[in-house]
Amino acid sequence: MEITTKQIQQVETYLDKKSFDFIDLKVEVLDHMISDIESFLDNNYSFENAFKITVLKWDQHFKDTSSFYFGLQYHESKIVVKKAVKMFRPFFLLYLSACFLPILFLKNFSIIFSKSTIYLVNGFLNLITAVFLIYLIFIIITVIKSKVKTTYRFILRTQYLGIIFLIIPLLMGNHFNEKGNLEPVLTGFLFGGFAVTYICHYFFKKHQAEITKYKIS
């Protein structure tokens, strides 16, 4: 049995009271809740009872929670964090690999560069780092100004502190030690910064796509 427009508005009001305004999830959650209510109506429940039971079921999904993947300081509705973790898990592995593999490699293999090569490599790495830093700042400012909530925006917000992985190598300027080897820890920071920039780029595009999809300015 299908519910009426007025009854749908009651479900929407419930979501508004929960401050659940993530545009990539709200329509999906609304459809699921309506489907649950209609299932109860098909079993001869009144709308009021069906609504109450459905609300009790969904209340647990709107409880504030956090995740190891993003840091315990970042909280959001359980349903948002669950979706975010599912999407972010492969990128978390990418981030760890980008940080630690260069360190492990450079700790075990010594590659000595000439002075002229060091000069060129330093210049190239500093240039790339500066470009990535500017792009990451652009993403941060654009997303903050948009105010539109998506799961992708939540993920982006948890990554902003990663900007330090670009700032530190750029401030150091020299990526080599006195022996002419790439400095392992600094290189790990650098590649970690590159990974953070790629991750933010990926989820920024997803966030923007949702805004375009729902034609939100």
C-alpha atoms as a PDB file:
ATOM      1  CA  MET A   1       0.000   0.000   0.000  1.00  0.00           C
ATOM      2  CA  GLU A   2       1.439   3.376  -1.008  1.00  0.00           C
ATOM      3  CA  ILE A   3       1.545   6.196   1.529  1.00  0.00           C
ATOM      4  CA  THR A   4       0.149   9.656   0.821  1.00  0.00           C
ATOM      5  CA  THR A   5       2.051  12.857   0.037  1.00  0.00           C
ATOM      6  CA  LYS A   6       1.196  14.197   3.498  1.00  0.00           C
ATOM      7  CA  GLN A   7       2.591  11.035   5.113  1.00  0.00           C
ATOM      8  CA  ILE A   8       5.763  11.318   3.038  1.00  0.00           C
ATOM      9  CA  GLN A   9       6.137  14.878   4.339  1.00  0.00           C
ATOM     10  CA  GLN A  10       5.959  13.477   7.873  1.00  0.00           C
ATOM     11  CA  VAL A  11       8.903  11.194   7.092  1.00  0.00           C
ATOM     12  CA  GLU A  12      10.794  14.141   5.591  1.00  0.00           C
ATOM     13  CA  THR A  13      10.105  16.164   8.733  1.00  0.00           C
ATOM     14  CA  TYR A  14      11.613  13.350  10.805  1.00  0.00           C
ATOM     15  CA  LEU A  15      14.791  13.477   8.673  1.00  0.00           C
ATOM     16  CA  ASP A  16      14.921  17.260   9.026  1.00  0.00           C
ATOM     17  CA  LYS A  17      14.678  16.971  12.822  1.00  0.00           C
ATOM     18  CA  LYS A  18      17.636  14.591  12.673  1.00  0.00           C
ATOM     19  CA  SER A  19      19.515  17.276  10.654  1.00  0.00           C
ATOM     20  CA  PHE A  20      20.128  14.618   8.043  1.00  0.00           C
ATOM     21  CA  ASP A  21      20.830  16.730   4.980  1.00  0.00           C
ATOM     22  CA  PHE A  22      23.439  14.715   3.105  1.00  0.00           C
ATOM     23  CA  ILE A  23      22.211  15.056  -0.468  1.00  0.00           C
ATOM     24  CA  ASP A  24      23.775  11.791  -1.684  1.00  0.00           C
ATOM     25  CA  LEU A  25      21.992   9.783   1.027  1.00  0.00           C
ATOM     26  CA  LYS A  26      18.780  11.622   1.923  1.00  0.00           C
ATOM     27  CA  VAL A  27      16.712  10.470  -1.078  1.00  0.00           C
ATOM     28  CA  GLU A  28      17.936   6.885  -0.644  1.00  0.00           C
ATOM     29  CA  VAL A  29      17.134   6.858   3.084  1.00  0.00           C
ATOM     30  CA  LEU A  30      13.737   8.451   2.450  1.00  0.00           C
ATOM     31  CA  ASP A  31      12.904   5.741  -0.099  1.00  0.00           C
ATOM     32  CA  HIS A  32      13.968   2.986   2.319  1.00  0.00           C
ATOM     33  CA  MET A  33      11.871   4.424   5.149  1.00  0.00           C
ATOM     34  CA  ILE A  34       8.818   4.780   2.895  1.00  0.00           C
ATOM     35  CA  SER A  35       9.299   1.193   1.726  1.00  0.00           C
ATOM     36  CA  ASP A  36       9.488  -0.017   5.351  1.00  0.00           C
ATOM     37  CA  ILE A  37       6.300   1.848   6.262  1.00  0.00           C
ATOM     38  CA  GLU A  38       4.456   0.512   3.214  1.00  0.00           C
ATOM     39  CA  SER A  39       5.492  -3.034   4.145  1.00  0.00           C
ATOM     40  CA  PHE A  40       3.831  -2.591   7.541  1.00  0.00           C
ATOM     41  CA  LEU A  41       0.739  -1.077   5.922  1.00  0.00           C
ATOM     42  CA  ASP A  42       0.485  -4.176   3.711  1.00  0.00           C
ATOM     43  CA  ASN A  43       0.304  -6.183   6.951  1.00  0.00           C
ATOM     44  CA  ASN A  44      -2.640  -4.117   8.214  1.00  0.00           C
ATOM     45  CA  TYR A  45      -0.697  -1.780  10.518  1.00  0.00           C
ATOM     46  CA  SER A  46      -1.981   1.763  10.857  1.00  0.00           C
ATOM     47  CA  PHE A  47       0.269   4.485   9.441  1.00  0.00           C
ATOM     48  CA  GLU A  48       0.950   5.836  12.941  1.00  0.00           C
ATOM     49  CA  ASN A  49       2.184   2.466  14.213  1.00  0.00           C
ATOM     50  CA  ALA A  50       4.100   1.732  11.021  1.00  0.00           C
ATOM     51  CA  PHE A  51       5.788   5.134  11.259  1.00  0.00           C
ATOM     52  CA  LYS A  52       6.717   4.652  14.934  1.00  0.00           C
ATOM     53  CA  ILE A  53       8.226   1.206  14.292  1.00  0.00           C
ATOM     54  CA  THR A  54      10.163   2.474  11.279  1.00  0.00           C
ATOM     55  CA  VAL A  55      11.502   5.446  13.248  1.00  0.00           C
ATOM     56  CA  LEU A  56      12.676   3.126  16.032  1.00  0.00           C
ATOM     57  CA  LYS A  57      14.483   1.022  13.431  1.00  0.00           C
ATOM     58  CA  TRP A  58      16.175   3.979  11.771  1.00  0.00           C
ATOM     59  CA  ASP A  59      17.040   5.947  14.914  1.00  0.00           C
ATOM     60  CA  GLN A  60      20.130   3.780  15.450  1.00  0.00           C
ATOM     61  CA  HIS A  61      21.461   4.759  12.012  1.00  0.00           C
ATOM     62  CA  PHE A  62      21.462   8.451  12.940  1.00  0.00           C
ATOM     63  CA  LYS A  63      23.449   8.055  16.151  1.00  0.00           C
ATOM     64  CA  ASP A  64      26.722   9.967  16.235  1.00  0.00           C
ATOM     65  CA  THR A  65      29.768   7.756  15.658  1.00  0.00           C
ATOM     66  CA  SER A  66      33.386   7.821  14.506  1.00  0.00           C
ATOM     67  CA  SER A  67      35.866   5.490  12.833  1.00  0.00           C
ATOM     68  CA  PHE A  68      39.510   4.484  13.138  1.00  0.00           C
ATOM     69  CA  TYR A  69      39.941   5.245   9.439  1.00  0.00           C
ATOM     70  CA  PHE A  70      39.220   8.950   9.897  1.00  0.00           C
ATOM     71  CA  GLY A  71      40.268   9.553  13.478  1.00  0.00           C
ATOM     72  CA  LEU A  72      38.088   9.514  16.567  1.00  0.00           C
ATOM     73  CA  GLN A  73      37.776  13.319  16.515  1.00  0.00           C
ATOM     74  CA  TYR A  74      35.563  13.210  13.409  1.00  0.00           C
ATOM     75  CA  HIS A  75      31.959  12.370  14.228  1.00  0.00           C
ATOM     76  CA  GLU A  76      28.903  11.951  12.040  1.00  0.00           C
ATOM     77  CA  SER A  77      25.733   9.877  11.694  1.00  0.00           C
ATOM     78  CA  LYS A  78      26.390   6.148  11.712  1.00  0.00           C
ATOM     79  CA  ILE A  79      24.899   5.745   8.232  1.00  0.00           C
ATOM     80  CA  VAL A  80      27.247   8.412   6.843  1.00  0.00           C
ATOM     81  CA  VAL A  81      30.360   6.997   8.515  1.00  0.00           C
ATOM     82  CA  LYS A  82      29.509   3.473   7.359  1.00  0.00           C
ATOM     83  CA  LYS A  83      29.260   4.577   3.719  1.00  0.00           C
ATOM     84  CA  ALA A  84      32.380   6.749   4.069  1.00  0.00           C
ATOM     85  CA  VAL A  85      34.469   3.870   5.456  1.00  0.00           C
ATOM     86  CA  LYS A  86      33.363   1.574   2.644  1.00  0.00           C
ATOM     87  CA  MET A  87      34.476   4.113   0.040  1.00  0.00           C
ATOM     88  CA  PHE A  88      37.626   5.256   1.816  1.00  0.00           C
ATOM     89  CA  ARG A  89      39.147   1.902   2.849  1.00  0.00           C
ATOM     90  CA  PRO A  90      41.135   1.331  -0.420  1.00  0.00           C
ATOM     91  CA  PHE A  91      42.426   4.917  -0.277  1.00  0.00           C
ATOM     92  CA  PHE A  92      43.548   4.415   3.316  1.00  0.00           C
ATOM     93  CA  LEU A  93      45.759   1.546   2.131  1.00  0.00           C
ATOM     94  CA  LEU A  94      47.063   3.754  -0.687  1.00  0.00           C
ATOM     95  CA  TYR A  95      47.921   6.477   1.817  1.00  0.00           C
ATOM     96  CA  LEU A  96      49.803   4.075   4.126  1.00  0.00           C
ATOM     97  CA  SER A  97      51.694   2.558   1.193  1.00  0.00           C
ATOM     98  CA  ALA A  98      52.665   5.991  -0.138  1.00  0.00           C
ATOM     99  CA  CYS A  99      54.019   6.994   3.261  1.00  0.00           C
ATOM    100  CA  PHE A 100      55.892   3.873   4.327  1.00  0.00           C
ATOM    101  CA  LEU A 101      57.062   2.113   1.156  1.00  0.00           C
ATOM    102  CA  PRO A 102      59.485   4.932   0.180  1.00  0.00           C
ATOM    103  CA  ILE A 103      60.878   4.915   3.726  1.00  0.00           C
ATOM    104  CA  LEU A 104      61.398   1.151   3.713  1.00  0.00           C
ATOM    105  CA  PHE A 105      62.971   1.244   0.250  1.00  0.00           C
ATOM    106  CA  LEU A 106      65.373   4.109   0.986  1.00  0.00           C
ATOM    107  CA  LYS A 107      66.356   2.616   4.347  1.00  0.00           C
ATOM    108  CA  ASN A 108      67.422  -0.610   2.636  1.00  0.00           C
ATOM    109  CA  PHE A 109      68.776   0.638  -0.694  1.00  0.00           C
ATOM    110  CA  SER A 110      71.342   3.396  -1.000  1.00  0.00           C
ATOM    111  CA  ILE A 111      71.128   5.450  -4.200  1.00  0.00           C
ATOM    112  CA  ILE A 112      73.683   8.267  -4.372  1.00  0.00           C
ATOM    113  CA  PHE A 113      72.959  11.213  -6.681  1.00  0.00           C
ATOM    114  CA  SER A 114      75.466  13.657  -8.145  1.00  0.00           C
ATOM    115  CA  LYS A 115      75.340  17.323  -7.097  1.00  0.00           C
ATOM    116  CA  SER A 116      73.910  18.407 -10.459  1.00  0.00           C
ATOM    117  CA  THR A 117      71.217  15.730 -10.287  1.00  0.00           C
ATOM    118  CA  ILE A 118      70.376  16.688  -6.702  1.00  0.00           C
ATOM    119  CA  TYR A 119      69.842  20.287  -7.810  1.00  0.00           C
ATOM    120  CA  LEU A 120      67.473  19.235 -10.612  1.00  0.00           C
ATOM    121  CA  VAL A 121      65.551  16.703  -8.503  1.00  0.00           C
ATOM    122  CA  ASN A 122      65.147  19.193  -5.641  1.00  0.00           C
ATOM    123  CA  GLY A 123      63.805  21.803  -8.034  1.00  0.00           C
ATOM    124  CA  PHE A 124      61.393  19.356  -9.662  1.00  0.00           C
ATOM    125  CA  LEU A 125      60.072  17.976  -6.360  1.00  0.00           C
ATOM    126  CA  ASN A 126      59.628  21.457  -4.880  1.00  0.00           C
ATOM    127  CA  LEU A 127      57.741  22.600  -7.968  1.00  0.00           C
ATOM    128  CA  ILE A 128      55.408  19.601  -7.955  1.00  0.00           C
ATOM    129  CA  THR A 129      54.869  19.951  -4.203  1.00  0.00           C
ATOM    130  CA  ALA A 130      54.000  23.639  -4.559  1.00  0.00           C
ATOM    131  CA  VAL A 131      51.486  22.889  -7.341  1.00  0.00           C
ATOM    132  CA  PHE A 132      49.874  20.111  -5.292  1.00  0.00           C
ATOM    133  CA  LEU A 133      49.730  22.378  -2.230  1.00  0.00           C
ATOM    134  CA  ILE A 134      47.996  25.164  -4.155  1.00  0.00           C
ATOM    135  CA  TYR A 135      45.494  22.681  -5.619  1.00  0.00           C
ATOM    136  CA  LEU A 136      44.789  21.187  -2.187  1.00  0.00           C
ATOM    137  CA  ILE A 137      44.185  24.649  -0.717  1.00  0.00           C
ATOM    138  CA  PHE A 138      41.811  25.353  -3.620  1.00  0.00           C
ATOM    139  CA  ILE A 139      39.842  22.168  -2.820  1.00  0.00           C
ATOM    140  CA  ILE A 140      39.643  23.010   0.883  1.00  0.00           C
ATOM    141  CA  ILE A 141      38.403  26.559   0.277  1.00  0.00           C
ATOM    142  CA  THR A 142      35.896  25.498  -2.409  1.00  0.00           C
ATOM    143  CA  VAL A 143      34.363  22.738  -0.278  1.00  0.00           C
ATOM    144  CA  ILE A 144      34.149  24.896   2.848  1.00  0.00           C
ATOM    145  CA  LYS A 145      32.437  27.684   0.900  1.00  0.00           C
ATOM    146  CA  SER A 146      29.908  25.338  -0.730  1.00  0.00           C
ATOM    147  CA  LYS A 147      28.278  24.334   2.612  1.00  0.00           C
ATOM    148  CA  VAL A 148      26.558  21.437   0.815  1.00  0.00           C
ATOM    149  CA  LYS A 149      26.779  18.179   2.758  1.00  0.00           C
ATOM    150  CA  THR A 150      27.699  14.887   1.102  1.00  0.00           C
ATOM    151  CA  THR A 151      29.473  11.778   2.319  1.00  0.00           C
ATOM    152  CA  TYR A 152      32.361  12.861   0.082  1.00  0.00           C
ATOM    153  CA  ARG A 153      32.539  16.220   1.876  1.00  0.00           C
ATOM    154  CA  PHE A 154      32.782  14.386   5.212  1.00  0.00           C
ATOM    155  CA  ILE A 155      35.702  12.329   3.884  1.00  0.00           C
ATOM    156  CA  LEU A 156      37.386  15.470   2.541  1.00  0.00           C
ATOM    157  CA  ARG A 157      37.061  17.189   5.913  1.00  0.00           C
ATOM    158  CA  THR A 158      38.973  14.345   7.576  1.00  0.00           C
ATOM    159  CA  GLN A 159      41.863  14.717   5.119  1.00  0.00           C
ATOM    160  CA  TYR A 160      42.592  18.434   5.409  1.00  0.00           C
ATOM    161  CA  LEU A 161      45.297  17.998   8.066  1.00  0.00           C
ATOM    162  CA  GLY A 162      47.206  15.945   5.496  1.00  0.00           C
ATOM    163  CA  ILE A 163      48.280  19.266   3.992  1.00  0.00           C
ATOM    164  CA  ILE A 164      51.136  19.222   6.486  1.00  0.00           C
ATOM    165  CA  PHE A 165      52.727  16.383   4.469  1.00  0.00           C
ATOM    166  CA  LEU A 166      53.217  18.863   1.638  1.00  0.00           C
ATOM    167  CA  ILE A 167      54.138  21.891   3.745  1.00  0.00           C
ATOM    168  CA  ILE A 168      56.992  20.250   5.688  1.00  0.00           C
ATOM    169  CA  PRO A 169      58.988  18.991   2.641  1.00  0.00           C
ATOM    170  CA  LEU A 170      58.406  22.320   0.880  1.00  0.00           C
ATOM    171  CA  LEU A 171      59.729  24.267   3.877  1.00  0.00           C
ATOM    172  CA  MET A 172      62.745  21.967   4.140  1.00  0.00           C
ATOM    173  CA  GLY A 173      63.572  22.583   0.469  1.00  0.00           C
ATOM    174  CA  ASN A 174      66.336  19.975   0.302  1.00  0.00           C
ATOM    175  CA  HIS A 175      65.195  16.354  -0.034  1.00  0.00           C
ATOM    176  CA  PHE A 176      68.694  14.863   0.233  1.00  0.00           C
ATOM    177  CA  ASN A 177      71.054  14.119   3.101  1.00  0.00           C
ATOM    178  CA  GLU A 178      74.779  14.932   3.235  1.00  0.00           C
ATOM    179  CA  LYS A 179      75.682  11.649   1.497  1.00  0.00           C
ATOM    180  CA  GLY A 180      73.576  12.480  -1.574  1.00  0.00           C
ATOM    181  CA  ASN A 181      70.732  10.065  -0.741  1.00  0.00           C
ATOM    182  CA  LEU A 182      67.081  10.944  -0.685  1.00  0.00           C
ATOM    183  CA  GLU A 183      66.128  11.481   2.973  1.00  0.00           C
ATOM    184  CA  PRO A 184      63.792   8.515   3.802  1.00  0.00           C
ATOM    185  CA  VAL A 185      61.387  10.134   6.271  1.00  0.00           C
ATOM    186  CA  LEU A 186      61.089  13.362   4.299  1.00  0.00           C
ATOM    187  CA  THR A 187      60.442  11.365   1.122  1.00  0.00           C
ATOM    188  CA  GLY A 188      57.763   9.393   2.963  1.00  0.00           C
ATOM    189  CA  PHE A 189      56.148  12.682   3.970  1.00  0.00           C
ATOM    190  CA  LEU A 190      56.319  13.892   0.375  1.00  0.00           C
ATOM    191  CA  PHE A 191      54.686  10.812  -1.137  1.00  0.00           C
ATOM    192  CA  GLY A 192      52.118  10.859   1.661  1.00  0.00           C
ATOM    193  CA  GLY A 193      51.299  14.422   0.632  1.00  0.00           C
ATOM    194  CA  PHE A 194      50.962  13.357  -2.999  1.00  0.00           C
ATOM    195  CA  ALA A 195      48.591  10.563  -1.904  1.00  0.00           C
ATOM    196  CA  VAL A 196      46.478  12.972   0.183  1.00  0.00           C
ATOM    197  CA  THR A 197      46.221  15.333  -2.800  1.00  0.00           C
ATOM    198  CA  TYR A 198      45.040  12.514  -5.071  1.00  0.00           C
ATOM    199  CA  ILE A 199      42.533  11.309  -2.459  1.00  0.00           C
ATOM    200  CA  CYS A 200      41.135  14.821  -2.022  1.00  0.00           C
ATOM    201  CA  HIS A 201      40.990  15.293  -5.789  1.00  0.00           C
ATOM    202  CA  TYR A 202      39.006  12.057  -6.190  1.00  0.00           C
ATOM    203  CA  PHE A 203      36.436  12.832  -3.497  1.00  0.00           C
ATOM    204  CA  PHE A 204      36.235  16.503  -4.495  1.00  0.00           C
ATOM    205  CA  LYS A 205      35.143  15.427  -7.991  1.00  0.00           C
ATOM    206  CA  LYS A 206      32.570  13.071  -6.437  1.00  0.00           C
ATOM    207  CA  HIS A 207      31.287  15.874  -4.206  1.00  0.00           C
ATOM    208  CA  GLN A 208      30.985  18.275  -7.127  1.00  0.00           C
ATOM    209  CA  ALA A 209      29.187  15.620  -9.195  1.00  0.00           C
ATOM    210  CA  GLU A 210      26.528  15.271  -6.481  1.00  0.00           C
ATOM    211  CA  ILE A 211      26.019  19.040  -6.398  1.00  0.00           C
ATOM    212  CA  THR A 212      25.598  19.056 -10.184  1.00  0.00           C
ATOM    213  CA  LYS A 213      23.256  16.042 -10.040  1.00  0.00           C
ATOM    214  CA  TYR A 214      20.904  17.797  -7.654  1.00  0.00           C
ATOM    215  CA  LYS A 215      21.521  21.200  -9.284  1.00  0.00           C
ATOM    216  CA  ILE A 216      22.559  22.888  -6.057  1.00  0.00           C
ATOM    217  CA  SER A 217      24.420  26.191  -6.371  1.00  0.00           C
END
